[in-house]
Amino acid sequence: MRADPLRNVVSAPMRALIVDDEALARRGLRLRLNDIAGIDIIGECNNGREALAAIASDAPDLVFLDIQMPGLSGFDVVRELQSDSMPLIVFVTAFDQYAVNAFEVHAVDYLLKPVEQPRLEEAVRSARSMAEALRAVDQKGRLMNLIVSLTGHTESTIESLAGQRKDLYPQRLTIRDGDDITLVPTSDIEWIDAAGDYMCVHVKNKTHVMRVTMKQLEALLDPALFLRVHRSTLINAQRVVSLTAHDNGEFFVTLSQGARLKVSRGYRDKVSRFL
């Protein structure tokens, strides 16, 4: 038996779900995945409704999802899954015309049938890397949030931790727009707000759109720099030029490019202390 290039990767097994309306396709994918270390196949589904139920009940880490299925398509399933518990998605299909749409919804990878073993291993490797990065960022972020909150978000604490924090969070966001990929430095971000199933990232008077949840995006951003001012709004604290209180008790922040954003009452004290 040939050597598995993933076998030396030390990590917890990824719990995977296979979704395809063709039994033969599910069986073939299962056999190939069985040859890859670190994958625990927890179930199979033959349509989108079954997939939604299985994801809700079993919380898989990774879903291999067919696109063309009767009833709900693979894209319909993803649209139903826009929540903080959304698993990583690898689309598996016989048609290459869906590739652009697949990456627009931030799929980990897009595999064409019949799936070749090297491409499947590459997809698993990408999924594992993404899962481990998100897990590491989340764990470190929670620890650093605790430290900063205990110190009252003082300027001296933030400055003393700044050098250490640079390595904890990505310095750039990768944003796909069709076939184009834009690398946005996180320091250039003015603010981020939610628009339905999308996140709007505002950078230098330009808006980039990402299909990702607020929780997932917030986990990737340094909480010492990015501050929630509303249930659906994050701001870059370094871009704040003024904080204005109105007679009715409302607060507004003004950012360096001129945007003026309302601060929800629930976040008012936190914003005042942070700034």
C-alpha atoms as a PDB file:
ATOM      1  CA  MET A   1       0.000   0.000   0.000  1.00  0.00           C
ATOM      2  CA  ARG A   2       1.309   3.414  -0.917  1.00  0.00           C
ATOM      3  CA  ALA A   3       2.300   5.834   1.810  1.00  0.00           C
ATOM      4  CA  ASP A   4      -0.322   8.314   2.922  1.00  0.00           C
ATOM      5  CA  PRO A   5       1.213  11.838   2.893  1.00  0.00           C
ATOM      6  CA  LEU A   6      -1.252  12.922   5.574  1.00  0.00           C
ATOM      7  CA  ARG A   7      -0.456  10.135   8.016  1.00  0.00           C
ATOM      8  CA  ASN A   8       2.274  12.097   9.780  1.00  0.00           C
ATOM      9  CA  VAL A   9      -0.023  15.020  10.538  1.00  0.00           C
ATOM     10  CA  VAL A  10      -0.721  14.987  14.262  1.00  0.00           C
ATOM     11  CA  SER A  11      -4.238  16.246  14.903  1.00  0.00           C
ATOM     12  CA  ALA A  12      -7.622  15.096  16.110  1.00  0.00           C
ATOM     13  CA  PRO A  13      -9.662  13.187  13.506  1.00  0.00           C
ATOM     14  CA  MET A  14     -12.022  15.318  11.455  1.00  0.00           C
ATOM     15  CA  ARG A  15     -15.615  14.106  11.628  1.00  0.00           C
ATOM     16  CA  ALA A  16     -16.881  14.027   8.049  1.00  0.00           C
ATOM     17  CA  LEU A  17     -20.305  13.699   6.432  1.00  0.00           C
ATOM     18  CA  ILE A  18     -20.833  12.590   2.814  1.00  0.00           C
ATOM     19  CA  VAL A  19     -23.840  14.021   0.944  1.00  0.00           C
ATOM     20  CA  ASP A  20     -24.717  12.767  -2.546  1.00  0.00           C
ATOM     21  CA  ASP A  21     -27.927  11.491  -4.139  1.00  0.00           C
ATOM     22  CA  GLU A  22     -26.009   8.689  -5.904  1.00  0.00           C
ATOM     23  CA  ALA A  23     -25.206   5.670  -3.728  1.00  0.00           C
ATOM     24  CA  LEU A  24     -22.299   4.655  -5.956  1.00  0.00           C
ATOM     25  CA  ALA A  25     -20.729   8.101  -5.645  1.00  0.00           C
ATOM     26  CA  ARG A  26     -21.052   7.998  -1.848  1.00  0.00           C
ATOM     27  CA  ARG A  27     -19.492   4.553  -1.712  1.00  0.00           C
ATOM     28  CA  GLY A  28     -16.568   5.593  -3.934  1.00  0.00           C
ATOM     29  CA  LEU A  29     -15.853   8.683  -1.869  1.00  0.00           C
ATOM     30  CA  ARG A  30     -16.050   6.708   1.374  1.00  0.00           C
ATOM     31  CA  LEU A  31     -13.519   4.166   0.066  1.00  0.00           C
ATOM     32  CA  ARG A  32     -11.094   6.924  -0.914  1.00  0.00           C
ATOM     33  CA  LEU A  33     -11.511   8.732   2.389  1.00  0.00           C
ATOM     34  CA  ASN A  34     -10.848   5.494   4.258  1.00  0.00           C
ATOM     35  CA  ASP A  35      -7.318   5.592   2.828  1.00  0.00           C
ATOM     36  CA  ILE A  36      -6.662   8.995   4.379  1.00  0.00           C
ATOM     37  CA  ALA A  37      -5.592   9.196   8.009  1.00  0.00           C
ATOM     38  CA  GLY A  38      -7.447  11.457  10.394  1.00  0.00           C
ATOM     39  CA  ILE A  39     -10.898  11.272   8.764  1.00  0.00           C
ATOM     40  CA  ASP A  40     -13.800   9.794  10.717  1.00  0.00           C
ATOM     41  CA  ILE A  41     -16.849   9.343   8.453  1.00  0.00           C
ATOM     42  CA  ILE A  42     -19.851   9.769  10.719  1.00  0.00           C
ATOM     43  CA  GLY A  43     -22.590   9.315   8.140  1.00  0.00           C
ATOM     44  CA  GLU A  44     -23.998   9.591   4.639  1.00  0.00           C
ATOM     45  CA  CYS A  45     -27.002  11.481   3.277  1.00  0.00           C
ATOM     46  CA  ASN A  46     -28.711  11.187  -0.099  1.00  0.00           C
ATOM     47  CA  ASN A  47     -30.374  14.615  -0.226  1.00  0.00           C
ATOM     48  CA  GLY A  48     -30.184  18.139   1.139  1.00  0.00           C
ATOM     49  CA  ARG A  49     -32.891  17.741   3.776  1.00  0.00           C
ATOM     50  CA  GLU A  50     -31.147  14.736   5.277  1.00  0.00           C
ATOM     51  CA  ALA A  51     -27.898  16.704   5.234  1.00  0.00           C
ATOM     52  CA  LEU A  52     -29.400  19.622   7.166  1.00  0.00           C
ATOM     53  CA  ALA A  53     -30.796  17.259   9.799  1.00  0.00           C
ATOM     54  CA  ALA A  54     -27.512  15.346  10.126  1.00  0.00           C
ATOM     55  CA  ILE A  55     -25.459  18.518  10.413  1.00  0.00           C
ATOM     56  CA  ALA A  56     -27.797  19.880  13.087  1.00  0.00           C
ATOM     57  CA  SER A  57     -27.723  16.665  15.135  1.00  0.00           C
ATOM     58  CA  ASP A  58     -24.155  15.409  14.591  1.00  0.00           C
ATOM     59  CA  ALA A  59     -22.184  18.658  14.079  1.00  0.00           C
ATOM     60  CA  PRO A  60     -19.595  17.331  11.589  1.00  0.00           C
ATOM     61  CA  ASP A  61     -16.353  19.211  11.112  1.00  0.00           C
ATOM     62  CA  LEU A  62     -16.340  18.665   7.361  1.00  0.00           C
ATOM     63  CA  VAL A  63     -19.035  17.965   4.747  1.00  0.00           C
ATOM     64  CA  PHE A  64     -18.382  16.555   1.279  1.00  0.00           C
ATOM     65  CA  LEU A  65     -21.373  18.004  -0.527  1.00  0.00           C
ATOM     66  CA  ASP A  66     -22.746  17.233  -3.991  1.00  0.00           C
ATOM     67  CA  ILE A  67     -24.169  20.265  -5.811  1.00  0.00           C
ATOM     68  CA  GLN A  68     -26.812  18.847  -8.149  1.00  0.00           C
ATOM     69  CA  MET A  69     -29.348  16.959  -6.055  1.00  0.00           C
ATOM     70  CA  PRO A  70     -33.156  16.703  -6.266  1.00  0.00           C
ATOM     71  CA  GLY A  71     -34.951  19.127  -3.991  1.00  0.00           C
ATOM     72  CA  LEU A  72     -32.273  21.163  -2.242  1.00  0.00           C
ATOM     73  CA  SER A  73     -29.041  21.647  -4.174  1.00  0.00           C
ATOM     74  CA  GLY A  74     -25.681  21.796  -2.446  1.00  0.00           C
ATOM     75  CA  PHE A  75     -25.793  25.598  -2.614  1.00  0.00           C
ATOM     76  CA  ASP A  76     -29.281  25.563  -1.059  1.00  0.00           C
ATOM     77  CA  VAL A  77     -27.889  23.507   1.821  1.00  0.00           C
ATOM     78  CA  VAL A  78     -25.107  26.031   2.394  1.00  0.00           C
ATOM     79  CA  ARG A  79     -27.588  28.908   2.347  1.00  0.00           C
ATOM     80  CA  GLU A  80     -29.613  27.141   5.042  1.00  0.00           C
ATOM     81  CA  LEU A  81     -26.446  26.672   7.088  1.00  0.00           C
ATOM     82  CA  GLN A  82     -25.440  30.302   7.550  1.00  0.00           C
ATOM     83  CA  SER A  83     -24.905  30.105  11.283  1.00  0.00           C
ATOM     84  CA  ASP A  84     -22.083  30.084  13.779  1.00  0.00           C
ATOM     85  CA  SER A  85     -21.983  26.274  13.656  1.00  0.00           C
ATOM     86  CA  MET A  86     -21.478  25.939   9.903  1.00  0.00           C
ATOM     87  CA  PRO A  87     -19.047  23.089   9.063  1.00  0.00           C
ATOM     88  CA  LEU A  88     -16.273  23.302   6.510  1.00  0.00           C
ATOM     89  CA  ILE A  89     -17.579  22.482   3.027  1.00  0.00           C
ATOM     90  CA  VAL A  90     -15.915  20.621   0.145  1.00  0.00           C
ATOM     91  CA  PHE A  91     -18.115  20.541  -2.944  1.00  0.00           C
ATOM     92  CA  VAL A  92     -18.012  17.369  -5.042  1.00  0.00           C
ATOM     93  CA  THR A  93     -19.680  17.508  -8.465  1.00  0.00           C
ATOM     94  CA  ALA A  94     -19.476  16.309 -12.051  1.00  0.00           C
ATOM     95  CA  PHE A  95     -19.823  19.853 -13.423  1.00  0.00           C
ATOM     96  CA  ASP A  96     -17.073  22.460 -13.416  1.00  0.00           C
ATOM     97  CA  GLN A  97     -19.319  25.469 -14.151  1.00  0.00           C
ATOM     98  CA  TYR A  98     -20.120  25.799 -10.450  1.00  0.00           C
ATOM     99  CA  ALA A  99     -16.545  26.448  -9.357  1.00  0.00           C
ATOM    100  CA  VAL A 100     -16.856  30.231  -9.068  1.00  0.00           C
ATOM    101  CA  ASN A 101     -20.065  29.979  -7.031  1.00  0.00           C
ATOM    102  CA  ALA A 102     -18.457  27.404  -4.772  1.00  0.00           C
ATOM    103  CA  PHE A 103     -15.646  29.736  -3.774  1.00  0.00           C
ATOM    104  CA  GLU A 104     -18.048  32.671  -3.423  1.00  0.00           C
ATOM    105  CA  VAL A 105     -19.647  30.805  -0.515  1.00  0.00           C
ATOM    106  CA  HIS A 106     -16.166  30.131   0.898  1.00  0.00           C
ATOM    107  CA  ALA A 107     -15.988  26.411   0.255  1.00  0.00           C
ATOM    108  CA  VAL A 108     -12.692  24.827   1.280  1.00  0.00           C
ATOM    109  CA  ASP A 109     -12.332  23.133  -2.091  1.00  0.00           C
ATOM    110  CA  TYR A 110     -14.177  22.050  -5.229  1.00  0.00           C
ATOM    111  CA  LEU A 111     -13.659  18.506  -6.498  1.00  0.00           C
ATOM    112  CA  LEU A 112     -14.698  17.138  -9.874  1.00  0.00           C
ATOM    113  CA  LYS A 113     -16.034  13.606 -10.265  1.00  0.00           C
ATOM    114  CA  PRO A 114     -14.536  11.113 -10.627  1.00  0.00           C
ATOM    115  CA  VAL A 115     -12.493  12.289  -7.660  1.00  0.00           C
ATOM    116  CA  GLU A 116      -8.793  11.545  -7.903  1.00  0.00           C
ATOM    117  CA  GLN A 117      -7.018  10.497  -4.714  1.00  0.00           C
ATOM    118  CA  PRO A 118      -4.305  13.215  -4.817  1.00  0.00           C
ATOM    119  CA  ARG A 119      -6.940  15.958  -5.170  1.00  0.00           C
ATOM    120  CA  LEU A 120      -8.989  14.467  -2.361  1.00  0.00           C
ATOM    121  CA  GLU A 121      -5.928  14.391  -0.117  1.00  0.00           C
ATOM    122  CA  GLU A 122      -5.214  18.009  -1.022  1.00  0.00           C
ATOM    123  CA  ALA A 123      -8.781  18.985  -0.096  1.00  0.00           C
ATOM    124  CA  VAL A 124      -8.526  17.176   3.238  1.00  0.00           C
ATOM    125  CA  ARG A 125      -5.193  18.835   3.923  1.00  0.00           C
ATOM    126  CA  SER A 126      -6.712  22.271   3.214  1.00  0.00           C
ATOM    127  CA  ALA A 127      -9.710  21.547   5.426  1.00  0.00           C
ATOM    128  CA  ARG A 128      -7.514  20.340   8.269  1.00  0.00           C
ATOM    129  CA  SER A 129      -5.260  23.393   8.030  1.00  0.00           C
ATOM    130  CA  MET A 130      -8.251  25.721   8.063  1.00  0.00           C
ATOM    131  CA  ALA A 131      -9.853  23.941  11.006  1.00  0.00           C
ATOM    132  CA  GLU A 132      -6.641  23.990  13.042  1.00  0.00           C
ATOM    133  CA  ALA A 133      -6.041  27.665  12.258  1.00  0.00           C
ATOM    134  CA  LEU A 134      -9.558  28.645  13.311  1.00  0.00           C
ATOM    135  CA  ARG A 135      -9.293  26.535  16.471  1.00  0.00           C
ATOM    136  CA  ALA A 136      -5.941  28.060  17.402  1.00  0.00           C
ATOM    137  CA  VAL A 137      -7.158  31.589  16.767  1.00  0.00           C
ATOM    138  CA  ASP A 138     -10.293  30.968  18.813  1.00  0.00           C
ATOM    139  CA  GLN A 139      -8.375  29.538  21.772  1.00  0.00           C
ATOM    140  CA  LYS A 140      -5.766  32.280  21.777  1.00  0.00           C
ATOM    141  CA  GLY A 141      -8.385  34.916  21.239  1.00  0.00           C
ATOM    142  CA  ARG A 142     -10.380  33.796  24.254  1.00  0.00           C
ATOM    143  CA  LEU A 143      -7.280  33.839  26.436  1.00  0.00           C
ATOM    144  CA  MET A 144      -6.245  37.286  25.266  1.00  0.00           C
ATOM    145  CA  ASN A 145      -9.800  38.592  25.636  1.00  0.00           C
ATOM    146  CA  LEU A 146      -9.743  37.461  29.244  1.00  0.00           C
ATOM    147  CA  ILE A 147      -6.408  39.188  29.905  1.00  0.00           C
ATOM    148  CA  VAL A 148      -7.520  42.445  28.299  1.00  0.00           C
ATOM    149  CA  SER A 149     -10.900  42.437  30.069  1.00  0.00           C
ATOM    150  CA  LEU A 150      -9.248  41.822  33.442  1.00  0.00           C
ATOM    151  CA  THR A 151      -6.983  44.823  32.921  1.00  0.00           C
ATOM    152  CA  GLY A 152      -9.869  47.056  31.865  1.00  0.00           C
ATOM    153  CA  HIS A 153      -8.595  47.534  28.285  1.00  0.00           C
ATOM    154  CA  THR A 154      -5.968  50.054  29.393  1.00  0.00           C
ATOM    155  CA  GLU A 155      -3.713  51.566  26.775  1.00  0.00           C
ATOM    156  CA  SER A 156      -0.568  50.382  28.570  1.00  0.00           C
ATOM    157  CA  THR A 157      -1.813  46.768  28.586  1.00  0.00           C
ATOM    158  CA  ILE A 158      -2.695  46.848  24.898  1.00  0.00           C
ATOM    159  CA  GLU A 159       0.709  48.296  24.019  1.00  0.00           C
ATOM    160  CA  SER A 160       2.556  45.748  26.139  1.00  0.00           C
ATOM    161  CA  LEU A 161       0.673  42.889  24.472  1.00  0.00           C
ATOM    162  CA  ALA A 162       0.817  44.277  20.937  1.00  0.00           C
ATOM    163  CA  GLY A 163       4.119  42.652  20.044  1.00  0.00           C
ATOM    164  CA  GLN A 164       2.929  39.252  21.231  1.00  0.00           C
ATOM    165  CA  ARG A 165      -0.464  39.532  19.481  1.00  0.00           C
ATOM    166  CA  LYS A 166       0.949  40.076  16.005  1.00  0.00           C
ATOM    167  CA  ASP A 167       1.624  36.374  15.621  1.00  0.00           C
ATOM    168  CA  LEU A 168      -1.785  35.289  16.944  1.00  0.00           C
ATOM    169  CA  TYR A 169      -3.994  36.756  14.243  1.00  0.00           C
ATOM    170  CA  PRO A 170      -3.689  36.945  10.440  1.00  0.00           C
ATOM    171  CA  GLN A 171      -2.440  40.282   9.152  1.00  0.00           C
ATOM    172  CA  ARG A 172      -4.514  39.971   5.969  1.00  0.00           C
ATOM    173  CA  LEU A 173      -7.964  38.737   4.972  1.00  0.00           C
ATOM    174  CA  THR A 174      -8.337  36.754   1.750  1.00  0.00           C
ATOM    175  CA  ILE A 175     -11.478  37.912  -0.049  1.00  0.00           C
ATOM    176  CA  ARG A 176     -12.741  36.191  -3.207  1.00  0.00           C
ATOM    177  CA  ASP A 177     -14.841  37.975  -5.833  1.00  0.00           C
ATOM    178  CA  GLY A 178     -15.505  35.552  -8.654  1.00  0.00           C
ATOM    179  CA  ASP A 179     -12.115  34.644 -10.091  1.00  0.00           C
ATOM    180  CA  ASP A 180     -10.407  37.575  -8.352  1.00  0.00           C
ATOM    181  CA  ILE A 181      -8.714  37.284  -4.970  1.00  0.00           C
ATOM    182  CA  THR A 182      -7.979  40.386  -2.879  1.00  0.00           C
ATOM    183  CA  LEU A 183      -5.616  40.354   0.097  1.00  0.00           C
ATOM    184  CA  VAL A 184      -6.792  43.048   2.502  1.00  0.00           C
ATOM    185  CA  PRO A 185      -4.480  44.111   5.359  1.00  0.00           C
ATOM    186  CA  THR A 186      -6.533  43.973   8.536  1.00  0.00           C
ATOM    187  CA  SER A 187      -4.998  47.271   9.661  1.00  0.00           C
ATOM    188  CA  ASP A 188      -6.647  48.981   6.649  1.00  0.00           C
ATOM    189  CA  ILE A 189     -10.156  47.847   7.598  1.00  0.00           C
ATOM    190  CA  GLU A 190     -12.371  50.689   8.792  1.00  0.00           C
ATOM    191  CA  TRP A 191     -15.420  48.720   9.882  1.00  0.00           C
ATOM    192  CA  ILE A 192     -17.375  45.558   9.124  1.00  0.00           C
ATOM    193  CA  ASP A 193     -21.123  45.132   9.108  1.00  0.00           C
ATOM    194  CA  ALA A 194     -23.511  42.289   8.384  1.00  0.00           C
ATOM    195  CA  ALA A 195     -25.881  42.337   5.415  1.00  0.00           C
ATOM    196  CA  GLY A 196     -28.021  39.214   5.524  1.00  0.00           C
ATOM    197  CA  ASP A 197     -25.806  36.189   4.869  1.00  0.00           C
ATOM    198  CA  TYR A 198     -22.846  38.392   3.928  1.00  0.00           C
ATOM    199  CA  MET A 199     -20.254  40.476   5.742  1.00  0.00           C
ATOM    200  CA  CYS A 200     -19.341  43.850   4.231  1.00  0.00           C
ATOM    201  CA  VAL A 201     -15.697  44.767   4.858  1.00  0.00           C
ATOM    202  CA  HIS A 202     -15.131  48.505   4.399  1.00  0.00           C
ATOM    203  CA  VAL A 203     -11.584  49.444   3.396  1.00  0.00           C
ATOM    204  CA  LYS A 204     -10.472  52.868   2.128  1.00  0.00           C
ATOM    205  CA  ASN A 205     -13.918  53.825   0.775  1.00  0.00           C
ATOM    206  CA  LYS A 206     -14.291  50.443  -0.930  1.00  0.00           C
ATOM    207  CA  THR A 207     -16.548  47.618   0.216  1.00  0.00           C
ATOM    208  CA  HIS A 208     -15.576  43.947  -0.094  1.00  0.00           C
ATOM    209  CA  VAL A 209     -18.196  41.237   0.416  1.00  0.00           C
ATOM    210  CA  MET A 210     -17.538  37.940   2.204  1.00  0.00           C
ATOM    211  CA  ARG A 211     -19.929  35.043   2.799  1.00  0.00           C
ATOM    212  CA  VAL A 212     -18.950  34.214   6.358  1.00  0.00           C
ATOM    213  CA  THR A 213     -20.595  34.562   9.758  1.00  0.00           C
ATOM    214  CA  MET A 214     -19.854  37.391  12.150  1.00  0.00           C
ATOM    215  CA  LYS A 215     -18.525  34.921  14.733  1.00  0.00           C
ATOM    216  CA  GLN A 216     -16.129  33.297  12.240  1.00  0.00           C
ATOM    217  CA  LEU A 217     -14.821  36.651  11.050  1.00  0.00           C
ATOM    218  CA  GLU A 218     -14.536  38.075  14.562  1.00  0.00           C
ATOM    219  CA  ALA A 219     -12.462  35.032  15.596  1.00  0.00           C
ATOM    220  CA  LEU A 220      -9.898  35.910  12.925  1.00  0.00           C
ATOM    221  CA  LEU A 221      -9.510  39.540  14.020  1.00  0.00           C
ATOM    222  CA  ASP A 222      -7.469  40.824  16.952  1.00  0.00           C
ATOM    223  CA  PRO A 223      -9.936  41.778  19.735  1.00  0.00           C
ATOM    224  CA  ALA A 224      -7.459  44.377  20.965  1.00  0.00           C
ATOM    225  CA  LEU A 225      -8.039  46.246  17.685  1.00  0.00           C
ATOM    226  CA  PHE A 226     -11.522  45.292  16.539  1.00  0.00           C
ATOM    227  CA  LEU A 227     -14.424  46.244  18.751  1.00  0.00           C
ATOM    228  CA  ARG A 228     -18.101  45.264  18.528  1.00  0.00           C
ATOM    229  CA  VAL A 229     -20.281  48.406  18.703  1.00  0.00           C
ATOM    230  CA  HIS A 230     -23.479  46.724  17.573  1.00  0.00           C
ATOM    231  CA  ARG A 231     -24.759  43.180  17.224  1.00  0.00           C
ATOM    232  CA  SER A 232     -23.914  43.348  13.511  1.00  0.00           C
ATOM    233  CA  THR A 233     -21.032  45.857  13.444  1.00  0.00           C
ATOM    234  CA  LEU A 234     -17.291  45.694  14.182  1.00  0.00           C
ATOM    235  CA  ILE A 235     -14.981  48.706  14.027  1.00  0.00           C
ATOM    236  CA  ASN A 236     -11.221  49.101  13.921  1.00  0.00           C
ATOM    237  CA  ALA A 237     -10.488  51.033  17.122  1.00  0.00           C
ATOM    238  CA  GLN A 238      -7.361  52.558  15.554  1.00  0.00           C
ATOM    239  CA  ARG A 239      -9.599  54.203  12.932  1.00  0.00           C
ATOM    240  CA  VAL A 240     -11.807  56.031  15.449  1.00  0.00           C
ATOM    241  CA  VAL A 241     -11.355  59.813  15.416  1.00  0.00           C
ATOM    242  CA  SER A 242     -14.196  60.799  17.741  1.00  0.00           C
ATOM    243  CA  LEU A 243     -16.903  59.477  20.041  1.00  0.00           C
ATOM    244  CA  THR A 244     -19.970  61.714  20.341  1.00  0.00           C
ATOM    245  CA  ALA A 245     -22.712  61.547  22.978  1.00  0.00           C
ATOM    246  CA  HIS A 246     -26.176  62.853  22.155  1.00  0.00           C
ATOM    247  CA  ASP A 247     -28.801  64.252  24.511  1.00  0.00           C
ATOM    248  CA  ASN A 248     -30.964  61.131  24.094  1.00  0.00           C
ATOM    249  CA  GLY A 249     -28.158  58.974  25.467  1.00  0.00           C
ATOM    250  CA  GLU A 250     -27.038  57.568  22.141  1.00  0.00           C
ATOM    251  CA  PHE A 251     -23.376  57.420  21.135  1.00  0.00           C
ATOM    252  CA  PHE A 252     -21.841  57.672  17.669  1.00  0.00           C
ATOM    253  CA  VAL A 253     -18.287  56.916  16.553  1.00  0.00           C
ATOM    254  CA  THR A 254     -16.710  58.694  13.614  1.00  0.00           C
ATOM    255  CA  LEU A 255     -14.017  56.856  11.679  1.00  0.00           C
ATOM    256  CA  SER A 256     -11.039  58.210   9.755  1.00  0.00           C
ATOM    257  CA  GLN A 257     -12.710  57.947   6.339  1.00  0.00           C
ATOM    258  CA  GLY A 258     -15.789  59.822   7.567  1.00  0.00           C
ATOM    259  CA  ALA A 259     -18.162  56.971   8.399  1.00  0.00           C
ATOM    260  CA  ARG A 260     -20.408  57.728  11.382  1.00  0.00           C
ATOM    261  CA  LEU A 261     -21.759  54.654  13.178  1.00  0.00           C
ATOM    262  CA  LYS A 262     -24.220  54.268  16.009  1.00  0.00           C
ATOM    263  CA  VAL A 263     -23.127  52.491  19.178  1.00  0.00           C
ATOM    264  CA  SER A 264     -25.802  50.231  20.660  1.00  0.00           C
ATOM    265  CA  ARG A 265     -26.647  50.811  24.314  1.00  0.00           C
ATOM    266  CA  GLY A 266     -25.425  47.350  25.239  1.00  0.00           C
ATOM    267  CA  TYR A 267     -21.931  48.153  23.951  1.00  0.00           C
ATOM    268  CA  ARG A 268     -21.718  51.802  25.060  1.00  0.00           C
ATOM    269  CA  ASP A 269     -19.795  51.287  28.315  1.00  0.00           C
ATOM    270  CA  LYS A 270     -17.410  48.834  26.717  1.00  0.00           C
ATOM    271  CA  VAL A 271     -16.668  51.235  23.856  1.00  0.00           C
ATOM    272  CA  SER A 272     -16.113  54.174  26.205  1.00  0.00           C
ATOM    273  CA  ARG A 273     -13.678  52.151  28.340  1.00  0.00           C
ATOM    274  CA  PHE A 274     -11.849  50.767  25.315  1.00  0.00           C
ATOM    275  CA  LEU A 275     -11.323  54.161  23.699  1.00  0.00           C
END
